[in-house]
């Protein structure tokens, strides 16, 4: 079960029991943004006031004790590009056309954004490496999770059997209705459900099954199983809001 934590002014979720790494899935609570972005919007490209977003990021980093550390962020395009982070060109760098980040360097903050899509985080305690990926339905279909895991294997020697995986809050099968063409893509994973004449996909479970096929033990995968669309008091939801909303962040740093 994921833990809801409170640090200073920040409310966030974290996979339990991970040591040697800080991992946080932010909520929408605690920031200064207004309107549909209230209150802790961390996305700069969704229409919010830039000064408010910058202040929100300062609040998050300060609350987590990460202020002043270099940060790597992904400009997500629902693709499969993985960026290996070694030495950053400055205190902050945005990796364009990228949906996954990996590193074995201590003290570099990794971040991706989400508002219904599935945030994946990877921790290899044996080789001291971390990674994260943004998995919407396109990324999930394209196997961004296994691709990120394979990149960690090639770069750091990560083995699926020894890797811990966290799956953060995302839209659940209760709310994620899709058309028949998308449902057909996920039918082989047995994650499509029919209800009242509509088709629904369980994206979190789809990512779990793809990773288990790569050799990640089921007991190594921790899923939050919280629906962002159902809990708009806690989370931004692109689907639930009709598209006008903010973004949460998944944040990870090797200690």
C-alpha atoms as a PDB file:
ATOM      1  CA  UNK A   1       0.000   0.000   0.000  1.00  0.00           C
ATOM      2  CA  UNK A   2       1.358   3.413  -0.939  1.00  0.00           C
ATOM      3  CA  UNK A   3       1.989   5.881   1.840  1.00  0.00           C
ATOM      4  CA  UNK A   4       0.434   9.363   1.789  1.00  0.00           C
ATOM      5  CA  UNK A   5       3.103  11.596   3.253  1.00  0.00           C
ATOM      6  CA  UNK A   6       3.166  15.181   4.456  1.00  0.00           C
ATOM      7  CA  UNK A   7       6.453  17.115   4.457  1.00  0.00           C
ATOM      8  CA  UNK A   8       6.229  20.821   5.266  1.00  0.00           C
ATOM      9  CA  UNK A   9       3.574  22.049   2.801  1.00  0.00           C
ATOM     10  CA  UNK A  10       3.816  19.084   0.436  1.00  0.00           C
ATOM     11  CA  UNK A  11       1.413  16.135   0.262  1.00  0.00           C
ATOM     12  CA  UNK A  12       2.706  13.227  -1.818  1.00  0.00           C
ATOM     13  CA  UNK A  13       2.659   9.467  -2.288  1.00  0.00           C
ATOM     14  CA  UNK A  14       5.668   7.174  -2.127  1.00  0.00           C
ATOM     15  CA  UNK A  15       6.252   3.450  -2.622  1.00  0.00           C
ATOM     16  CA  UNK A  16       6.921   2.030   0.856  1.00  0.00           C
ATOM     17  CA  UNK A  17      10.129   0.436   2.009  1.00  0.00           C
ATOM     18  CA  UNK A  18      12.577   1.836  -0.535  1.00  0.00           C
ATOM     19  CA  UNK A  19      15.897   2.816   1.007  1.00  0.00           C
ATOM     20  CA  UNK A  20      18.764   4.721  -0.531  1.00  0.00           C
ATOM     21  CA  UNK A  21      16.464   6.612  -2.856  1.00  0.00           C
ATOM     22  CA  UNK A  22      13.858   9.352  -2.562  1.00  0.00           C
ATOM     23  CA  UNK A  23      10.750   8.836  -4.664  1.00  0.00           C
ATOM     24  CA  UNK A  24       7.644  11.018  -4.658  1.00  0.00           C
ATOM     25  CA  UNK A  25       4.432  11.234  -6.663  1.00  0.00           C
ATOM     26  CA  UNK A  26       3.044  14.701  -5.997  1.00  0.00           C
ATOM     27  CA  UNK A  27      -0.638  15.545  -5.577  1.00  0.00           C
ATOM     28  CA  UNK A  28      -2.434  18.755  -6.538  1.00  0.00           C
ATOM     29  CA  UNK A  29      -2.429  20.037  -2.960  1.00  0.00           C
ATOM     30  CA  UNK A  30      -0.281  22.759  -1.455  1.00  0.00           C
ATOM     31  CA  UNK A  31       0.677  25.180  -4.222  1.00  0.00           C
ATOM     32  CA  UNK A  32      -0.275  28.670  -5.364  1.00  0.00           C
ATOM     33  CA  UNK A  33      -1.857  28.115  -8.799  1.00  0.00           C
ATOM     34  CA  UNK A  34      -5.444  29.219  -9.405  1.00  0.00           C
ATOM     35  CA  UNK A  35      -8.504  28.077 -11.325  1.00  0.00           C
ATOM     36  CA  UNK A  36      -8.288  24.696 -13.091  1.00  0.00           C
ATOM     37  CA  UNK A  37      -4.615  24.508 -12.084  1.00  0.00           C
ATOM     38  CA  UNK A  38      -5.268  24.809  -8.358  1.00  0.00           C
ATOM     39  CA  UNK A  39      -3.117  24.427  -6.525  1.00  0.00           C
ATOM     40  CA  UNK A  40       0.184  22.552  -7.044  1.00  0.00           C
ATOM     41  CA  UNK A  41       0.463  22.544 -10.822  1.00  0.00           C
ATOM     42  CA  UNK A  42       3.980  21.628 -11.961  1.00  0.00           C
ATOM     43  CA  UNK A  43       3.400  21.751 -15.713  1.00  0.00           C
ATOM     44  CA  UNK A  44       4.679  24.805 -17.581  1.00  0.00           C
ATOM     45  CA  UNK A  45       2.949  24.100 -20.891  1.00  0.00           C
ATOM     46  CA  UNK A  46      -0.688  23.685 -19.865  1.00  0.00           C
ATOM     47  CA  UNK A  47      -1.685  27.359 -19.677  1.00  0.00           C
ATOM     48  CA  UNK A  48      -0.900  28.240 -16.069  1.00  0.00           C
ATOM     49  CA  UNK A  49       0.953  31.359 -14.949  1.00  0.00           C
ATOM     50  CA  UNK A  50       4.688  30.700 -15.276  1.00  0.00           C
ATOM     51  CA  UNK A  51       5.565  32.485 -12.033  1.00  0.00           C
ATOM     52  CA  UNK A  52       3.077  30.316 -10.126  1.00  0.00           C
ATOM     53  CA  UNK A  53       4.536  27.118 -11.604  1.00  0.00           C
ATOM     54  CA  UNK A  54       8.056  28.199 -10.707  1.00  0.00           C
ATOM     55  CA  UNK A  55       6.934  28.939  -7.155  1.00  0.00           C
ATOM     56  CA  UNK A  56       5.263  25.527  -6.967  1.00  0.00           C
ATOM     57  CA  UNK A  57       8.491  23.827  -8.013  1.00  0.00           C
ATOM     58  CA  UNK A  58      10.442  25.733  -5.379  1.00  0.00           C
ATOM     59  CA  UNK A  59       7.920  24.580  -2.760  1.00  0.00           C
ATOM     60  CA  UNK A  60       8.236  20.940  -3.849  1.00  0.00           C
ATOM     61  CA  UNK A  61      12.032  20.884  -3.990  1.00  0.00           C
ATOM     62  CA  UNK A  62      12.370  22.714  -0.677  1.00  0.00           C
ATOM     63  CA  UNK A  63       9.859  20.427   1.061  1.00  0.00           C
ATOM     64  CA  UNK A  64      11.720  17.330  -0.137  1.00  0.00           C
ATOM     65  CA  UNK A  65      15.120  18.756   0.787  1.00  0.00           C
ATOM     66  CA  UNK A  66      16.223  18.858  -2.851  1.00  0.00           C
ATOM     67  CA  UNK A  67      16.679  22.614  -3.306  1.00  0.00           C
ATOM     68  CA  UNK A  68      19.941  23.352  -5.122  1.00  0.00           C
ATOM     69  CA  UNK A  69      20.394  19.887  -6.624  1.00  0.00           C
ATOM     70  CA  UNK A  70      20.647  19.577 -10.418  1.00  0.00           C
ATOM     71  CA  UNK A  71      17.411  18.441 -12.058  1.00  0.00           C
ATOM     72  CA  UNK A  72      16.732  16.539 -15.267  1.00  0.00           C
ATOM     73  CA  UNK A  73      13.239  16.697 -16.773  1.00  0.00           C
ATOM     74  CA  UNK A  74      11.617  15.037 -19.775  1.00  0.00           C
ATOM     75  CA  UNK A  75       9.750  16.833 -22.570  1.00  0.00           C
ATOM     76  CA  UNK A  76       7.278  14.006 -23.063  1.00  0.00           C
ATOM     77  CA  UNK A  77       5.850  13.084 -26.466  1.00  0.00           C
ATOM     78  CA  UNK A  78       4.305   9.654 -25.765  1.00  0.00           C
ATOM     79  CA  UNK A  79       7.334   8.023 -27.358  1.00  0.00           C
ATOM     80  CA  UNK A  80      10.013   5.544 -26.292  1.00  0.00           C
ATOM     81  CA  UNK A  81      13.224   7.586 -26.143  1.00  0.00           C
ATOM     82  CA  UNK A  82      15.283   6.986 -22.990  1.00  0.00           C
ATOM     83  CA  UNK A  83      17.878   9.556 -21.875  1.00  0.00           C
ATOM     84  CA  UNK A  84      20.808   8.439 -19.737  1.00  0.00           C
ATOM     85  CA  UNK A  85      21.695  11.240 -17.337  1.00  0.00           C
ATOM     86  CA  UNK A  86      25.363  11.622 -16.487  1.00  0.00           C
ATOM     87  CA  UNK A  87      26.597  15.209 -16.229  1.00  0.00           C
ATOM     88  CA  UNK A  88      23.970  17.905 -16.612  1.00  0.00           C
ATOM     89  CA  UNK A  89      24.746  21.048 -18.627  1.00  0.00           C
ATOM     90  CA  UNK A  90      23.680  23.348 -15.802  1.00  0.00           C
ATOM     91  CA  UNK A  91      21.360  23.155 -12.816  1.00  0.00           C
ATOM     92  CA  UNK A  92      18.372  22.206 -14.957  1.00  0.00           C
ATOM     93  CA  UNK A  93      18.077  20.467 -18.295  1.00  0.00           C
ATOM     94  CA  UNK A  94      14.992  19.508 -20.287  1.00  0.00           C
ATOM     95  CA  UNK A  95      15.482  16.441 -22.485  1.00  0.00           C
ATOM     96  CA  UNK A  96      13.331  16.973 -25.561  1.00  0.00           C
ATOM     97  CA  UNK A  97      11.234  14.257 -27.190  1.00  0.00           C
ATOM     98  CA  UNK A  98      11.988  11.991 -24.241  1.00  0.00           C
ATOM     99  CA  UNK A  99       9.674   9.844 -22.115  1.00  0.00           C
ATOM    100  CA  UNK A 100      12.145   8.063 -19.831  1.00  0.00           C
ATOM    101  CA  UNK A 101      15.190   9.052 -17.782  1.00  0.00           C
ATOM    102  CA  UNK A 102      17.823   6.815 -16.168  1.00  0.00           C
ATOM    103  CA  UNK A 103      20.902   7.506 -14.053  1.00  0.00           C
ATOM    104  CA  UNK A 104      23.360   5.984 -11.606  1.00  0.00           C
ATOM    105  CA  UNK A 105      24.584   9.367 -10.388  1.00  0.00           C
ATOM    106  CA  UNK A 106      23.779  10.426  -6.847  1.00  0.00           C
ATOM    107  CA  UNK A 107      22.122  13.751  -6.254  1.00  0.00           C
ATOM    108  CA  UNK A 108      20.560  14.271  -9.685  1.00  0.00           C
ATOM    109  CA  UNK A 109      16.808  14.826  -9.456  1.00  0.00           C
ATOM    110  CA  UNK A 110      14.767  13.117 -12.188  1.00  0.00           C
ATOM    111  CA  UNK A 111      11.229  14.270 -12.973  1.00  0.00           C
ATOM    112  CA  UNK A 112       8.377  13.495 -15.340  1.00  0.00           C
ATOM    113  CA  UNK A 113       4.857  14.948 -15.441  1.00  0.00           C
ATOM    114  CA  UNK A 114       1.479  13.237 -15.537  1.00  0.00           C
ATOM    115  CA  UNK A 115      -2.271  13.807 -15.201  1.00  0.00           C
ATOM    116  CA  UNK A 116      -3.861  10.358 -15.849  1.00  0.00           C
ATOM    117  CA  UNK A 117      -0.972   8.661 -17.687  1.00  0.00           C
ATOM    118  CA  UNK A 118       0.933   5.998 -15.758  1.00  0.00           C
ATOM    119  CA  UNK A 119       4.127   7.155 -13.999  1.00  0.00           C
ATOM    120  CA  UNK A 120       6.652   4.330 -13.709  1.00  0.00           C
ATOM    121  CA  UNK A 121       9.726   4.400 -11.460  1.00  0.00           C
ATOM    122  CA  UNK A 122      12.537   1.854 -11.317  1.00  0.00           C
ATOM    123  CA  UNK A 123      15.063   1.245  -8.551  1.00  0.00           C
ATOM    124  CA  UNK A 124      18.006  -1.140  -8.834  1.00  0.00           C
ATOM    125  CA  UNK A 125      19.391  -1.380  -5.269  1.00  0.00           C
ATOM    126  CA  UNK A 126      22.166  -3.785  -6.331  1.00  0.00           C
ATOM    127  CA  UNK A 127      23.752  -1.590  -8.984  1.00  0.00           C
ATOM    128  CA  UNK A 128      22.555   1.658  -7.394  1.00  0.00           C
ATOM    129  CA  UNK A 129      20.626   2.999 -10.356  1.00  0.00           C
ATOM    130  CA  UNK A 130      17.223   4.573 -10.917  1.00  0.00           C
ATOM    131  CA  UNK A 131      14.885   5.309 -13.786  1.00  0.00           C
ATOM    132  CA  UNK A 132      11.448   6.655 -14.566  1.00  0.00           C
ATOM    133  CA  UNK A 133       9.067   6.577 -17.506  1.00  0.00           C
ATOM    134  CA  UNK A 134       5.834   8.224 -18.636  1.00  0.00           C
ATOM    135  CA  UNK A 135       3.380   5.630 -19.953  1.00  0.00           C
ATOM    136  CA  UNK A 136       0.140   6.761 -21.544  1.00  0.00           C
ATOM    137  CA  UNK A 137      -1.707   4.311 -23.747  1.00  0.00           C
ATOM    138  CA  UNK A 138       0.657   4.964 -26.651  1.00  0.00           C
ATOM    139  CA  UNK A 139       3.748   4.547 -24.493  1.00  0.00           C
ATOM    140  CA  UNK A 140       2.334   1.459 -22.855  1.00  0.00           C
ATOM    141  CA  UNK A 141       1.501  -0.045 -26.239  1.00  0.00           C
ATOM    142  CA  UNK A 142       5.049   0.755 -27.386  1.00  0.00           C
ATOM    143  CA  UNK A 143       6.456  -0.956 -24.239  1.00  0.00           C
ATOM    144  CA  UNK A 144       8.143   2.075 -22.700  1.00  0.00           C
ATOM    145  CA  UNK A 145       8.424   0.208 -19.368  1.00  0.00           C
ATOM    146  CA  UNK A 146      10.386  -2.778 -20.728  1.00  0.00           C
ATOM    147  CA  UNK A 147      12.426  -0.442 -22.931  1.00  0.00           C
ATOM    148  CA  UNK A 148      13.439   1.633 -19.893  1.00  0.00           C
ATOM    149  CA  UNK A 149      14.317  -1.518 -17.958  1.00  0.00           C
ATOM    150  CA  UNK A 150      16.428  -2.794 -20.862  1.00  0.00           C
ATOM    151  CA  UNK A 151      18.230   0.558 -21.071  1.00  0.00           C
ATOM    152  CA  UNK A 152      19.105   0.281 -17.375  1.00  0.00           C
ATOM    153  CA  UNK A 153      20.366  -3.230 -17.996  1.00  0.00           C
ATOM    154  CA  UNK A 154      22.621  -2.095 -20.809  1.00  0.00           C
ATOM    155  CA  UNK A 155      23.885   0.987 -18.961  1.00  0.00           C
ATOM    156  CA  UNK A 156      24.158  -0.262 -15.378  1.00  0.00           C
ATOM    157  CA  UNK A 157      23.790  -4.046 -15.399  1.00  0.00           C
ATOM    158  CA  UNK A 158      20.257  -3.936 -13.986  1.00  0.00           C
ATOM    159  CA  UNK A 159      18.509  -7.312 -13.993  1.00  0.00           C
ATOM    160  CA  UNK A 160      14.705  -7.519 -14.039  1.00  0.00           C
ATOM    161  CA  UNK A 161      14.766 -10.042 -11.180  1.00  0.00           C
ATOM    162  CA  UNK A 162      16.503  -7.548  -8.901  1.00  0.00           C
ATOM    163  CA  UNK A 163      14.708  -4.356  -9.892  1.00  0.00           C
ATOM    164  CA  UNK A 164      11.980  -2.693  -7.846  1.00  0.00           C
ATOM    165  CA  UNK A 165       9.163  -0.985  -9.762  1.00  0.00           C
ATOM    166  CA  UNK A 166       6.705   1.615  -8.539  1.00  0.00           C
ATOM    167  CA  UNK A 167       3.537   2.468 -10.446  1.00  0.00           C
ATOM    168  CA  UNK A 168       2.090   5.785  -9.371  1.00  0.00           C
ATOM    169  CA  UNK A 169      -1.475   7.112  -9.374  1.00  0.00           C
ATOM    170  CA  UNK A 170      -3.099   7.075 -12.820  1.00  0.00           C
ATOM    171  CA  UNK A 171      -6.516   6.850 -14.398  1.00  0.00           C
ATOM    172  CA  UNK A 172      -8.098   3.540 -13.448  1.00  0.00           C
ATOM    173  CA  UNK A 173     -10.158   0.971 -15.375  1.00  0.00           C
ATOM    174  CA  UNK A 174     -13.202   2.479 -13.677  1.00  0.00           C
ATOM    175  CA  UNK A 175     -12.818   5.675 -15.739  1.00  0.00           C
ATOM    176  CA  UNK A 176     -10.567   5.009 -18.720  1.00  0.00           C
ATOM    177  CA  UNK A 177     -13.026   4.293 -21.511  1.00  0.00           C
ATOM    178  CA  UNK A 178     -11.567   3.714 -24.976  1.00  0.00           C
ATOM    179  CA  UNK A 179     -12.670   3.007 -28.494  1.00  0.00           C
ATOM    180  CA  UNK A 180     -12.538  -0.473 -30.031  1.00  0.00           C
ATOM    181  CA  UNK A 181      -9.295   0.261 -31.877  1.00  0.00           C
ATOM    182  CA  UNK A 182      -7.429   1.023 -28.619  1.00  0.00           C
ATOM    183  CA  UNK A 183      -9.102  -1.862 -26.804  1.00  0.00           C
ATOM    184  CA  UNK A 184      -7.891  -4.218 -29.520  1.00  0.00           C
ATOM    185  CA  UNK A 185      -4.289  -3.143 -28.875  1.00  0.00           C
ATOM    186  CA  UNK A 186      -4.551  -4.212 -25.225  1.00  0.00           C
ATOM    187  CA  UNK A 187      -6.708  -7.315 -25.559  1.00  0.00           C
ATOM    188  CA  UNK A 188      -3.677  -9.686 -25.547  1.00  0.00           C
ATOM    189  CA  UNK A 189      -2.771  -8.447 -22.053  1.00  0.00           C
ATOM    190  CA  UNK A 190      -6.253  -9.275 -20.714  1.00  0.00           C
ATOM    191  CA  UNK A 191      -6.756  -5.756 -19.345  1.00  0.00           C
ATOM    192  CA  UNK A 192      -9.879  -4.766 -21.305  1.00  0.00           C
ATOM    193  CA  UNK A 193     -13.277  -4.744 -19.607  1.00  0.00           C
ATOM    194  CA  UNK A 194     -16.749  -4.119 -20.955  1.00  0.00           C
ATOM    195  CA  UNK A 195     -19.376  -2.280 -18.937  1.00  0.00           C
ATOM    196  CA  UNK A 196     -22.692  -0.769 -19.992  1.00  0.00           C
ATOM    197  CA  UNK A 197     -21.766  -0.999 -23.640  1.00  0.00           C
ATOM    198  CA  UNK A 198     -18.384   0.719 -23.186  1.00  0.00           C
ATOM    199  CA  UNK A 199     -14.826  -0.600 -23.222  1.00  0.00           C
ATOM    200  CA  UNK A 200     -12.335   0.208 -20.460  1.00  0.00           C
ATOM    201  CA  UNK A 201      -8.580  -0.420 -20.228  1.00  0.00           C
ATOM    202  CA  UNK A 202      -6.506  -0.958 -17.085  1.00  0.00           C
ATOM    203  CA  UNK A 203      -3.265   0.802 -18.020  1.00  0.00           C
ATOM    204  CA  UNK A 204      -1.608   0.191 -14.672  1.00  0.00           C
ATOM    205  CA  UNK A 205      -2.196  -3.557 -14.924  1.00  0.00           C
ATOM    206  CA  UNK A 206      -1.023  -3.529 -18.547  1.00  0.00           C
ATOM    207  CA  UNK A 207       2.321  -2.089 -17.471  1.00  0.00           C
ATOM    208  CA  UNK A 208       2.589  -4.597 -14.642  1.00  0.00           C
ATOM    209  CA  UNK A 209       2.075  -7.507 -17.021  1.00  0.00           C
ATOM    210  CA  UNK A 210       4.537  -6.196 -19.582  1.00  0.00           C
ATOM    211  CA  UNK A 211       7.202  -5.869 -16.902  1.00  0.00           C
ATOM    212  CA  UNK A 212       6.483  -9.288 -15.440  1.00  0.00           C
ATOM    213  CA  UNK A 213       6.941 -10.770 -18.914  1.00  0.00           C
ATOM    214  CA  UNK A 214      10.454  -9.288 -18.835  1.00  0.00           C
ATOM    215  CA  UNK A 215      11.208 -11.122 -15.600  1.00  0.00           C
ATOM    216  CA  UNK A 216      10.307  -8.604 -12.890  1.00  0.00           C
ATOM    217  CA  UNK A 217       8.855 -10.640  -9.988  1.00  0.00           C
ATOM    218  CA  UNK A 218       5.269  -9.679  -9.096  1.00  0.00           C
ATOM    219  CA  UNK A 219       6.334  -9.015  -5.517  1.00  0.00           C
ATOM    220  CA  UNK A 220       8.825  -6.406  -6.778  1.00  0.00           C
ATOM    221  CA  UNK A 221       6.069  -4.289  -8.331  1.00  0.00           C
ATOM    222  CA  UNK A 222       4.158  -1.862  -6.123  1.00  0.00           C
ATOM    223  CA  UNK A 223       1.129  -0.169  -7.690  1.00  0.00           C
ATOM    224  CA  UNK A 224      -0.788   2.656  -6.065  1.00  0.00           C
ATOM    225  CA  UNK A 225      -4.163   1.559  -7.506  1.00  0.00           C
ATOM    226  CA  UNK A 226      -5.546   5.075  -7.007  1.00  0.00           C
ATOM    227  CA  UNK A 227      -7.573   6.555  -9.850  1.00  0.00           C
ATOM    228  CA  UNK A 228      -6.653  10.138 -10.712  1.00  0.00           C
ATOM    229  CA  UNK A 229     -10.028  10.747 -12.368  1.00  0.00           C
ATOM    230  CA  UNK A 230     -12.017   9.492  -9.374  1.00  0.00           C
ATOM    231  CA  UNK A 231      -9.893  11.477  -6.903  1.00  0.00           C
ATOM    232  CA  UNK A 232      -9.776  14.941  -8.438  1.00  0.00           C
ATOM    233  CA  UNK A 233      -9.660  16.291  -4.890  1.00  0.00           C
ATOM    234  CA  UNK A 234      -6.113  14.850  -4.781  1.00  0.00           C
ATOM    235  CA  UNK A 235      -5.002  14.752  -8.406  1.00  0.00           C
ATOM    236  CA  UNK A 236      -5.198  16.557 -11.711  1.00  0.00           C
ATOM    237  CA  UNK A 237      -7.035  14.493 -14.335  1.00  0.00           C
ATOM    238  CA  UNK A 238      -6.850  15.350 -18.030  1.00  0.00           C
ATOM    239  CA  UNK A 239      -9.762  13.053 -18.842  1.00  0.00           C
ATOM    240  CA  UNK A 240     -11.830  14.014 -15.826  1.00  0.00           C
ATOM    241  CA  UNK A 241     -11.432  17.765 -16.371  1.00  0.00           C
ATOM    242  CA  UNK A 242     -12.046  17.770 -20.090  1.00  0.00           C
ATOM    243  CA  UNK A 243      -8.425  18.631 -20.831  1.00  0.00           C
ATOM    244  CA  UNK A 244      -8.027  21.928 -18.912  1.00  0.00           C
ATOM    245  CA  UNK A 245      -5.966  21.030 -15.872  1.00  0.00           C
ATOM    246  CA  UNK A 246      -2.517  20.967 -14.271  1.00  0.00           C
ATOM    247  CA  UNK A 247       0.145  18.308 -13.920  1.00  0.00           C
ATOM    248  CA  UNK A 248       1.613  16.317 -11.052  1.00  0.00           C
ATOM    249  CA  UNK A 249       5.234  15.164 -11.045  1.00  0.00           C
ATOM    250  CA  UNK A 250       7.006  11.943 -10.302  1.00  0.00           C
ATOM    251  CA  UNK A 251      10.323  12.821  -8.666  1.00  0.00           C
ATOM    252  CA  UNK A 252      13.242  10.554  -7.923  1.00  0.00           C
ATOM    253  CA  UNK A 253      16.831  10.980  -6.709  1.00  0.00           C
ATOM    254  CA  UNK A 254      19.536   8.508  -5.730  1.00  0.00           C
ATOM    255  CA  UNK A 255      20.778   9.324  -2.239  1.00  0.00           C
END
